Amino acid sequence: MRSPLDQLTPGQISRSAIVVAIATAIALGCGYVSNALTPTTAALGAFVLASSLLLAAPTQRASEMLGAVTVWMCFAEFLSTTQSGQFAMWRLAVTVATLGGVIGVIRIQHLRNLARHTPDTSLADLDRRTLGGIGVVPRSTAKLAAMRHETAPDALPEKG
């Protein structure tokens, strides 16, 4: 007998995660405004929000999404401070540590993927911050010559 979960598609999970992310953000916002969140409930809410956002936006970079959640949590904590007059540093620290744990797991998964597909390539050669093969900083003439396995142009004898 097949489980009903076997019928789910990644698209359905992603669309459901949008609803969960919105509901979690509203619940966390209400918790911060009323100052009813404990460090444990804030951390749980941050974990659910981060997980649901990562599922809801699969084309976004995970580090950018988690950075946005961290900024939102810090902003909500400061707004809570203006409402209550007390800054809950421990609640903020636990929440940010939870988000740091999530990004740590994502980085480990990325390194596992690199170990499977490109185990002998140095990390410097795996720079993904390129657009169409053009890096953020243009490569030097010597670097381009080394990539072509040629002698650098400044090392060539002058014609004349």
Protein backbone atom coordinates (compact mmCIF):
# COMPACT_ATOMS: atom_id res chain seq x y z
CA MET A 1 0.00 0.00 0.00
CA ARG A 2 1.30 3.41 -0.97
CA SER A 3 1.42 6.33 1.41
CA PRO A 4 -0.47 9.52 0.58
CA LEU A 5 2.87 11.31 0.88
CA ASP A 6 4.07 9.39 -2.19
CA GLN A 7 1.66 11.42 -4.31
CA LEU A 8 3.16 14.80 -3.35
CA THR A 9 5.23 16.70 -5.87
CA PRO A 10 8.04 19.17 -5.14
CA GLY A 11 5.86 21.95 -6.59
CA GLN A 12 3.04 21.15 -4.17
CA ILE A 13 5.47 21.16 -1.26
CA SER A 14 6.89 24.50 -2.41
CA ARG A 15 3.43 26.08 -2.70
CA SER A 16 2.46 24.73 0.73
CA ALA A 17 5.66 26.14 2.19
CA ILE A 18 4.60 29.64 1.08
CA VAL A 19 1.50 29.38 3.27
CA VAL A 20 3.54 28.04 6.19
CA ALA A 21 6.13 30.84 5.81
CA ILE A 22 3.46 33.56 5.80
CA ALA A 23 1.65 32.04 8.79
CA THR A 24 4.93 31.66 10.71
CA ALA A 25 6.00 35.25 9.95
CA ILE A 26 2.63 36.55 11.17
CA ALA A 27 2.77 34.41 14.32
CA LEU A 28 6.33 35.56 15.06
CA GLY A 29 5.37 39.18 14.43
CA CYS A 30 2.48 38.91 16.88
CA GLY A 31 4.75 37.19 19.40
CA TYR A 32 7.33 39.95 19.16
CA VAL A 33 4.73 42.72 19.41
CA SER A 34 3.12 41.17 22.48
CA ASN A 35 6.54 40.22 23.93
CA ALA A 36 5.18 36.71 24.49
CA LEU A 37 8.05 34.84 22.82
CA THR A 38 10.49 32.90 24.94
CA PRO A 39 13.94 32.11 23.53
CA THR A 40 12.76 28.57 22.78
CA THR A 41 9.62 29.60 20.89
CA ALA A 42 11.54 32.31 19.01
CA ALA A 43 14.19 29.78 17.95
CA LEU A 44 11.53 27.27 16.89
CA GLY A 45 9.73 29.98 14.95
CA ALA A 46 12.98 31.04 13.28
CA PHE A 47 13.71 27.45 12.30
CA VAL A 48 10.23 26.91 10.84
CA LEU A 49 10.36 30.26 9.04
CA ALA A 50 13.81 29.58 7.58
CA SER A 51 12.91 26.04 6.52
CA SER A 52 9.63 27.06 4.94
CA LEU A 53 11.23 30.02 3.13
CA LEU A 54 13.97 27.79 1.74
CA LEU A 55 11.31 25.40 0.45
CA ALA A 56 9.07 28.21 -0.82
CA ALA A 57 11.79 29.89 -2.88
CA PRO A 58 14.00 27.16 -4.33
CA THR A 59 15.58 29.47 -6.92
CA GLN A 60 16.85 31.96 -4.33
CA ARG A 61 20.26 31.48 -2.75
CA ALA A 62 19.94 29.94 0.69
CA SER A 63 22.48 32.26 2.29
CA GLU A 64 20.60 35.32 1.03
CA MET A 65 17.29 33.99 2.32
CA LEU A 66 18.73 33.19 5.73
CA GLY A 67 20.42 36.59 5.84
CA ALA A 68 17.06 38.23 5.17
CA VAL A 69 15.45 36.18 7.95
CA THR A 70 18.24 37.20 10.33
CA VAL A 71 17.77 40.88 9.50
CA TRP A 72 14.01 40.52 9.94
CA MET A 73 14.47 38.84 13.34
CA CYS A 74 16.86 41.57 14.52
CA PHE A 75 14.45 44.26 13.33
CA ALA A 76 11.54 42.53 15.08
CA GLU A 77 13.58 42.29 18.28
CA PHE A 78 14.35 46.00 18.21
CA LEU A 79 10.69 46.82 17.54
CA SER A 80 9.78 44.62 20.50
CA THR A 81 12.27 46.57 22.58
CA THR A 82 10.60 49.86 21.71
CA GLN A 83 7.23 48.35 22.65
CA SER A 84 8.23 46.73 25.94
CA GLY A 85 11.23 48.80 26.99
CA GLN A 86 13.35 45.68 27.59
CA PHE A 87 15.88 44.24 25.16
CA ALA A 88 15.78 40.42 25.12
CA MET A 89 19.41 39.80 24.15
CA TRP A 90 19.25 36.10 25.00
CA ARG A 91 16.20 35.59 22.76
CA LEU A 92 17.98 37.34 19.88
CA ALA A 93 21.17 35.33 20.44
CA VAL A 94 19.33 32.00 20.44
CA THR A 95 17.41 32.95 17.30
CA VAL A 96 20.51 34.01 15.38
CA ALA A 97 22.36 30.88 16.55
CA THR A 98 19.49 28.76 15.24
CA LEU A 99 19.73 30.43 11.84
CA GLY A 100 23.50 29.96 11.93
CA GLY A 101 22.95 26.25 12.52
CA VAL A 102 20.67 26.08 9.49
CA ILE A 103 23.24 27.77 7.26
CA GLY A 104 25.94 25.47 8.68
CA VAL A 105 23.98 22.42 7.57
CA ILE A 106 23.50 23.98 4.12
CA ARG A 107 27.25 24.62 3.78
CA ILE A 108 28.02 21.04 4.83
CA GLN A 109 25.60 19.76 2.19
CA HIS A 110 27.29 21.97 -0.40
CA LEU A 111 30.73 20.61 0.54
CA ARG A 112 29.37 17.07 0.33
CA ASN A 113 28.10 17.81 -3.18
CA LEU A 114 31.48 19.23 -4.18
CA ALA A 115 33.23 16.17 -2.76
CA ARG A 116 31.02 13.94 -4.91
CA HIS A 117 31.31 15.88 -8.17
CA THR A 118 34.67 17.70 -8.06
CA PRO A 119 36.76 16.08 -5.33
CA ASP A 120 40.17 17.23 -6.61
CA THR A 121 39.35 20.82 -7.61
CA SER A 122 40.59 23.55 -5.28
CA LEU A 123 37.98 25.80 -3.73
CA ALA A 124 39.53 28.87 -5.39
CA ASP A 125 38.75 27.36 -8.81
CA LEU A 126 35.12 26.79 -7.85
CA ASP A 127 34.26 30.50 -7.56
CA ARG A 128 30.59 30.73 -8.52
CA ARG A 129 30.50 34.52 -8.59
CA THR A 130 30.90 34.65 -12.33
CA LEU A 131 28.49 35.67 -15.04
CA GLY A 132 28.91 33.83 -18.29
CA GLY A 133 32.49 32.89 -17.46
CA ILE A 134 33.48 36.48 -16.67
CA GLY A 135 34.64 36.82 -13.09
CA VAL A 136 33.88 39.66 -10.71
CA VAL A 137 37.47 40.89 -11.02
CA PRO A 138 39.05 40.60 -14.49
CA ARG A 139 41.88 38.13 -14.66
CA SER A 140 45.39 39.45 -15.17
CA THR A 141 47.30 38.87 -18.39
CA ALA A 142 49.60 36.46 -16.59
CA LYS A 143 46.64 34.49 -15.19
CA LEU A 144 45.02 34.26 -18.64
CA ALA A 145 48.29 33.08 -20.16
CA ALA A 146 48.68 30.45 -17.43
CA MET A 147 45.12 29.24 -18.07
CA ARG A 148 45.97 28.85 -21.79
CA HIS A 149 49.25 27.12 -20.86
CA GLU A 150 51.18 29.86 -22.68
CA THR A 151 53.96 32.17 -21.71
CA ALA A 152 52.81 35.52 -20.35
CA PRO A 153 52.90 38.29 -23.01
CA ASP A 154 55.25 40.45 -20.98
CA ALA A 155 57.73 37.56 -20.91
CA LEU A 156 57.78 37.21 -24.73
CA PRO A 157 60.74 38.64 -26.60
CA GLU A 158 60.12 41.92 -28.35
CA LYS A 159 59.76 41.95 -32.11
CA GLY A 160 61.71 44.51 -33.91
